[in-house]
């Protein structure tokens, strides 16, 4: 007995209709291998938090907020600043490495977090190569050696001569043990063969107060922190810790000109994510961050901070981290700076 209820032509027509309907529901063939692109276009689907490893109101926080605002505008989801200061940036780093590797937790990572801490701390809750995925370099700037206007020594040579004649008497401030400013001091001690008294502070505010009051002799700081006081005649710039003179202060000599070639000190900040974050998300973030950093709103805000805006690929940042890490490892090992 024939169990086919439909005539053969009708059955064939029915099968073709079913097949056509099924194929219509599938994505185009060109999209089958483009799941990464689809994922990148969908990102971000919810708010993104940016961990700033310093307290609110500091230079890093001021730099990060206009960038977050621009990313919120261009990427269609809120990019929210979350301040997690403490332990020389280690607290913020730990928050990041404990977050999912999905691109929804980013970290503003300064030079010391990525390139100095790994060599000064015996134990860290993170490993730079293992735990962080580079996204983009944000800004960089060089330090200035500054003092109170009442400090008798007015040149680098005079400062070093004073330190040599009075071992441990010259006081130098920084924003903490193992900070970029502290390591810069150690590098100067090493190059000049002198001993300087290190005074750690929790931030720039109290350090500047002590400079103004004369209880602190010198410090290495960024231009944004001290320029108004320099213009007011309350602080003196002694030298630029850079390869060339500052364009705004062409008469200010560099440390190299003062007899210390190769003394180039400052800091830089980057954006990183947790390792394992999808490559397409890293690529899109890199593109959007580079565009945001060149926007009028962000450039105007950062120009007031007297910093140099940077850009580049994730690979460029990875190379910079490796180079700077090797550079500061030599300094740290030479001076024997270690923390538990």
Protein backbone atom coordinates (compact mmCIF):
# COMPACT_ATOMS: atom_id res chain seq x y z
CA UNK A 1 0.00 0.00 0.00
CA UNK A 2 1.39 3.45 -0.93
CA UNK A 3 1.78 5.40 2.36
CA UNK A 4 2.66 8.73 0.66
CA UNK A 5 -0.40 10.89 1.07
CA UNK A 6 0.77 13.60 -1.38
CA UNK A 7 1.58 13.11 -5.05
CA UNK A 8 5.32 13.08 -5.73
CA UNK A 9 5.46 16.55 -7.37
CA UNK A 10 3.58 18.06 -4.43
CA UNK A 11 5.94 16.37 -1.99
CA UNK A 12 8.97 17.77 -3.81
CA UNK A 13 7.49 21.26 -3.76
CA UNK A 14 6.86 20.95 -0.03
CA UNK A 15 10.47 19.87 0.65
CA UNK A 16 11.89 22.77 -1.36
CA UNK A 17 9.68 25.21 0.50
CA UNK A 18 10.90 23.87 3.85
CA UNK A 19 14.55 24.04 2.73
CA UNK A 20 14.16 27.60 1.45
CA UNK A 21 12.58 28.70 4.74
CA UNK A 22 15.43 27.13 6.73
CA UNK A 23 18.10 28.77 4.60
CA UNK A 24 16.41 32.14 4.95
CA UNK A 25 16.81 31.91 8.71
CA UNK A 26 20.58 31.30 8.49
CA UNK A 27 23.10 34.21 8.39
CA UNK A 28 24.73 34.96 5.03
CA UNK A 29 27.75 32.80 4.26
CA UNK A 30 30.05 35.81 4.58
CA UNK A 31 28.98 36.21 8.19
CA UNK A 32 29.59 32.63 9.27
CA UNK A 33 33.31 33.35 9.73
CA UNK A 34 32.76 36.84 11.07
CA UNK A 35 31.52 36.10 14.57
CA UNK A 36 34.32 38.28 15.93
CA UNK A 37 33.08 41.28 13.92
CA UNK A 38 29.55 40.74 15.13
CA UNK A 39 30.81 40.52 18.71
CA UNK A 40 32.82 43.71 18.36
CA UNK A 41 29.83 45.57 16.94
CA UNK A 42 27.70 44.40 19.84
CA UNK A 43 30.26 45.60 22.40
CA UNK A 44 29.53 47.34 24.69
CA UNK A 45 26.05 46.07 25.48
CA UNK A 46 26.10 47.44 29.05
CA UNK A 47 28.06 49.97 31.15
CA UNK A 48 31.85 49.66 31.30
CA UNK A 49 33.82 50.55 34.41
CA UNK A 50 37.26 52.15 34.22
CA UNK A 51 39.36 51.48 37.30
CA UNK A 52 41.57 54.42 38.28
CA UNK A 53 44.11 53.18 40.87
CA UNK A 54 44.23 56.55 42.64
CA UNK A 55 41.84 58.59 44.76
CA UNK A 56 39.32 60.95 43.19
CA UNK A 57 40.50 64.43 42.28
CA UNK A 58 44.11 63.56 41.53
CA UNK A 59 45.89 64.14 38.22
CA UNK A 60 45.10 60.66 36.92
CA UNK A 61 41.44 60.98 37.82
CA UNK A 62 41.25 64.39 36.12
CA UNK A 63 42.82 62.90 32.99
CA UNK A 64 40.56 59.83 32.89
CA UNK A 65 37.18 61.55 33.26
CA UNK A 66 37.06 63.46 29.95
CA UNK A 67 38.16 60.29 28.16
CA UNK A 68 35.39 58.30 29.86
CA UNK A 69 32.84 60.95 28.92
CA UNK A 70 33.90 60.85 25.26
CA UNK A 71 33.81 57.04 25.12
CA UNK A 72 30.32 57.11 26.66
CA UNK A 73 29.26 59.40 23.85
CA UNK A 74 30.85 57.52 20.96
CA UNK A 75 30.27 53.93 22.10
CA UNK A 76 26.69 54.28 23.28
CA UNK A 77 27.11 52.96 26.82
CA UNK A 78 28.27 54.65 30.05
CA UNK A 79 31.99 54.39 30.79
CA UNK A 80 32.10 54.88 34.55
CA UNK A 81 35.17 55.89 36.56
CA UNK A 82 35.73 53.80 39.68
CA UNK A 83 38.48 55.08 41.98
CA UNK A 84 40.37 52.27 43.73
CA UNK A 85 43.42 53.95 45.20
CA UNK A 86 45.85 52.36 47.61
CA UNK A 87 49.05 50.33 47.99
CA UNK A 88 50.93 52.11 45.20
CA UNK A 89 48.27 51.18 42.54
CA UNK A 90 48.18 47.51 43.60
CA UNK A 91 44.58 47.71 44.88
CA UNK A 92 43.24 48.86 41.52
CA UNK A 93 45.29 46.27 39.66
CA UNK A 94 43.92 43.47 41.83
CA UNK A 95 40.33 44.59 41.21
CA UNK A 96 40.98 44.35 37.49
CA UNK A 97 42.57 40.90 37.44
CA UNK A 98 39.68 39.49 39.48
CA UNK A 99 37.10 40.78 36.98
CA UNK A 100 35.83 38.71 34.03
CA UNK A 101 37.87 38.94 30.83
CA UNK A 102 35.02 40.48 28.85
CA UNK A 103 36.06 44.09 28.29
CA UNK A 104 33.66 45.52 30.86
CA UNK A 105 36.41 46.28 33.38
CA UNK A 106 39.30 48.43 32.15
CA UNK A 107 42.29 49.78 34.07
CA UNK A 108 44.14 53.06 33.72
CA UNK A 109 47.62 51.63 34.25
CA UNK A 110 50.56 53.96 35.00
CA UNK A 111 54.18 53.15 34.32
CA UNK A 112 54.95 52.10 37.89
CA UNK A 113 52.10 49.57 38.01
CA UNK A 114 53.29 47.81 34.86
CA UNK A 115 57.05 48.35 34.86
CA UNK A 116 58.33 49.18 38.36
CA UNK A 117 56.15 47.34 40.89
CA UNK A 118 56.97 43.91 39.39
CA UNK A 119 60.63 44.51 40.29
CA UNK A 120 60.24 46.21 43.68
CA UNK A 121 57.62 43.95 45.31
CA UNK A 122 58.45 40.38 46.25
CA UNK A 123 54.81 39.35 45.89
CA UNK A 124 52.09 40.91 43.77
CA UNK A 125 48.48 39.81 43.17
CA UNK A 126 49.08 40.22 39.45
CA UNK A 127 51.58 39.33 36.74
CA UNK A 128 51.86 41.91 33.96
CA UNK A 129 52.45 39.47 31.10
CA UNK A 130 49.97 36.89 32.33
CA UNK A 131 47.12 39.05 33.58
CA UNK A 132 46.90 42.20 31.45
CA UNK A 133 46.04 42.79 27.81
CA UNK A 134 47.46 46.09 26.47
CA UNK A 135 44.93 48.35 24.74
CA UNK A 136 46.41 51.82 24.17
CA UNK A 137 48.94 54.33 25.46
CA UNK A 138 47.13 57.46 26.69
CA UNK A 139 49.54 60.17 27.82
CA UNK A 140 53.14 60.67 28.84
CA UNK A 141 55.15 63.48 30.35
CA UNK A 142 58.57 64.22 31.81
CA UNK A 143 59.34 65.41 35.30
CA UNK A 144 60.91 68.66 36.39
CA UNK A 145 63.30 69.02 39.30
CA UNK A 146 61.76 71.78 41.42
CA UNK A 147 62.46 73.51 44.73
CA UNK A 148 61.25 76.27 46.99
CA UNK A 149 62.45 79.69 45.85
CA UNK A 150 64.21 80.08 49.19
CA UNK A 151 66.37 77.00 48.61
CA UNK A 152 69.91 78.34 48.13
CA UNK A 153 70.95 75.88 45.42
CA UNK A 154 69.63 77.09 42.05
CA UNK A 155 71.18 74.65 39.55
CA UNK A 156 71.48 70.89 39.28
CA UNK A 157 75.23 71.13 39.82
CA UNK A 158 74.70 73.11 43.03
CA UNK A 159 72.06 70.66 44.28
CA UNK A 160 74.37 67.68 43.69
CA UNK A 161 77.31 69.47 45.29
CA UNK A 162 75.16 70.15 48.36
CA UNK A 163 74.05 66.51 48.51
CA UNK A 164 77.64 65.32 48.18
CA UNK A 165 78.85 67.62 50.96
CA UNK A 166 75.90 66.72 53.22
CA UNK A 167 75.09 63.02 52.77
CA UNK A 168 71.42 62.30 53.52
CA UNK A 169 70.58 65.92 54.32
CA UNK A 170 69.05 66.91 50.99
CA UNK A 171 65.37 65.90 51.12
CA UNK A 172 63.51 64.73 48.02
CA UNK A 173 59.77 64.09 47.96
CA UNK A 174 57.72 61.60 45.93
CA UNK A 175 54.21 60.18 45.94
CA UNK A 176 55.30 56.99 47.69
CA UNK A 177 57.85 54.24 48.09
CA UNK A 178 58.56 52.72 44.70
CA UNK A 179 56.71 55.44 42.77
CA UNK A 180 58.12 56.83 39.54
CA UNK A 181 59.39 59.89 41.40
CA UNK A 182 61.10 57.76 44.04
CA UNK A 183 62.80 55.57 41.45
CA UNK A 184 63.91 58.70 39.59
CA UNK A 185 65.56 59.90 42.79
CA UNK A 186 67.34 56.56 43.16
CA UNK A 187 68.56 56.77 39.59
CA UNK A 188 69.97 60.24 40.25
CA UNK A 189 71.68 59.02 43.43
CA UNK A 190 73.23 56.21 41.44
CA UNK A 191 74.44 58.42 38.60
CA UNK A 192 75.72 61.25 40.83
CA UNK A 193 77.13 59.09 43.61
CA UNK A 194 75.25 60.89 46.37
CA UNK A 195 72.84 60.00 49.18
CA UNK A 196 69.48 61.80 49.30
CA UNK A 197 66.82 61.60 52.02
CA UNK A 198 63.58 60.26 50.52
CA UNK A 199 60.30 61.66 51.90
CA UNK A 200 57.23 59.71 50.73
CA UNK A 201 53.82 61.39 50.47
CA UNK A 202 50.32 60.10 49.77
CA UNK A 203 49.87 62.63 46.99
CA UNK A 204 51.09 65.86 45.42
CA UNK A 205 49.06 68.20 47.64
CA UNK A 206 51.01 67.74 50.88
CA UNK A 207 54.30 67.47 49.03
CA UNK A 208 53.71 70.86 47.40
CA UNK A 209 52.70 72.33 50.76
CA UNK A 210 56.01 71.20 52.26
CA UNK A 211 57.96 72.52 49.27
CA UNK A 212 56.29 75.90 49.70
CA UNK A 213 56.98 75.84 53.42
CA UNK A 214 60.63 74.95 52.99
CA UNK A 215 60.44 71.71 54.98
CA UNK A 216 61.09 69.78 51.75
CA UNK A 217 64.06 70.72 49.58
CA UNK A 218 63.33 69.30 46.12
CA UNK A 219 61.00 67.01 44.20
CA UNK A 220 60.48 65.71 40.68
CA UNK A 221 57.00 66.55 39.47
CA UNK A 222 54.94 67.06 36.34
CA UNK A 223 54.50 70.54 34.93
CA UNK A 224 50.73 70.64 35.52
CA UNK A 225 51.21 70.29 39.28
CA UNK A 226 53.61 73.17 39.70
CA UNK A 227 53.28 75.62 36.80
CA UNK A 228 50.84 78.04 38.53
CA UNK A 229 53.19 78.21 41.52
CA UNK A 230 56.20 78.74 39.26
CA UNK A 231 54.41 81.61 37.51
CA UNK A 232 53.51 83.06 40.92
CA UNK A 233 57.18 82.97 41.92
CA UNK A 234 56.64 80.46 44.75
CA UNK A 235 58.48 77.46 43.27
CA UNK A 236 61.63 77.27 41.17
CA UNK A 237 62.26 74.91 38.28
CA UNK A 238 65.85 73.67 38.32
CA UNK A 239 66.01 71.26 35.38
CA UNK A 240 63.94 69.15 33.00
CA UNK A 241 64.33 65.38 33.28
CA UNK A 242 63.95 65.03 29.53
CA UNK A 243 65.96 64.48 26.35
CA UNK A 244 65.34 68.04 25.21
CA UNK A 245 64.26 71.34 26.72
CA UNK A 246 60.58 72.07 27.29
CA UNK A 247 59.11 74.20 24.48
CA UNK A 248 57.41 76.46 27.04
CA UNK A 249 60.67 76.98 28.95
CA UNK A 250 63.50 77.05 26.40
CA UNK A 251 65.91 78.53 28.95
CA UNK A 252 65.45 75.66 31.41
CA UNK A 253 68.36 73.18 31.03
CA UNK A 254 67.94 69.42 30.97
CA UNK A 255 69.54 67.02 33.42
CA UNK A 256 71.72 65.80 30.55
CA UNK A 257 73.05 69.30 30.02
CA UNK A 258 73.81 69.45 33.74
CA UNK A 259 76.11 66.47 33.37
CA UNK A 260 73.79 63.46 33.61
CA UNK A 261 73.22 62.14 30.07
CA UNK A 262 70.54 59.51 29.87
CA UNK A 263 68.67 60.82 32.88
CA UNK A 264 65.20 60.85 31.36
CA UNK A 265 62.48 60.51 33.94
CA UNK A 266 58.74 60.95 33.98
CA UNK A 267 55.72 58.77 33.73
CA UNK A 268 53.04 57.60 31.35
CA UNK A 269 49.55 56.13 31.55
CA UNK A 270 47.89 53.45 29.47
CA UNK A 271 44.63 51.53 29.24
CA UNK A 272 44.68 47.77 29.75
CA UNK A 273 42.13 45.03 30.23
CA UNK A 274 42.16 41.57 31.72
CA UNK A 275 44.05 38.98 29.67
CA UNK A 276 41.68 36.80 27.69
CA UNK A 277 39.49 39.72 26.64
CA UNK A 278 38.34 38.98 23.06
CA UNK A 279 40.74 40.36 20.47
CA UNK A 280 37.96 42.10 18.57
CA UNK A 281 36.98 43.99 21.74
CA UNK A 282 40.60 45.07 22.33
CA UNK A 283 40.84 46.24 18.71
CA UNK A 284 37.66 48.28 18.89
CA UNK A 285 38.63 49.84 22.22
CA UNK A 286 42.02 50.78 20.80
CA UNK A 287 40.40 52.48 17.82
CA UNK A 288 37.81 54.33 19.90
CA UNK A 289 40.32 55.44 22.55
CA UNK A 290 42.76 56.76 19.95
CA UNK A 291 39.94 58.73 18.31
CA UNK A 292 38.68 60.03 21.66
CA UNK A 293 42.16 61.20 22.70
CA UNK A 294 42.30 63.33 19.54
CA UNK A 295 38.84 64.82 20.02
CA UNK A 296 38.53 68.51 20.81
CA UNK A 297 36.95 67.87 24.20
CA UNK A 298 39.65 65.51 25.45
CA UNK A 299 42.57 67.41 23.92
CA UNK A 300 41.41 70.66 25.50
CA UNK A 301 41.12 69.01 28.92
CA UNK A 302 44.52 67.35 28.68
CA UNK A 303 46.33 70.39 27.34
CA UNK A 304 45.44 72.07 30.62
CA UNK A 305 47.25 69.19 32.35
CA UNK A 306 50.44 69.87 30.37
CA UNK A 307 50.79 66.30 29.14
CA UNK A 308 51.63 64.78 25.78
CA UNK A 309 48.81 62.84 24.16
CA UNK A 310 49.94 59.50 22.80
CA UNK A 311 48.45 56.87 20.51
CA UNK A 312 49.32 53.58 18.86
CA UNK A 313 48.31 49.95 18.66
CA UNK A 314 48.08 47.36 21.44
CA UNK A 315 51.32 45.92 20.07
CA UNK A 316 53.03 49.31 20.41
CA UNK A 317 52.00 49.45 24.06
CA UNK A 318 53.21 45.89 24.66
CA UNK A 319 56.64 46.83 23.29
CA UNK A 320 56.79 49.93 25.48
CA UNK A 321 55.91 47.93 28.59
CA UNK A 322 58.66 45.39 27.81
CA UNK A 323 61.28 48.09 27.12
CA UNK A 324 60.46 50.21 30.19
CA UNK A 325 60.23 47.16 32.44
CA UNK A 326 63.74 46.06 31.44
CA UNK A 327 65.03 49.61 31.92
CA UNK A 328 63.66 50.05 35.43
CA UNK A 329 64.58 46.51 36.46
CA UNK A 330 68.25 47.47 36.06
CA UNK A 331 67.82 50.58 38.22
CA UNK A 332 65.86 48.74 40.92
CA UNK A 333 68.40 45.90 41.10
CA UNK A 334 71.32 48.30 41.26
CA UNK A 335 69.91 50.22 44.21
CA UNK A 336 68.44 47.13 45.88
CA UNK A 337 64.91 48.49 46.30
CA UNK A 338 62.50 45.77 47.43
CA UNK A 339 59.22 45.61 49.37
CA UNK A 340 57.30 42.72 50.85
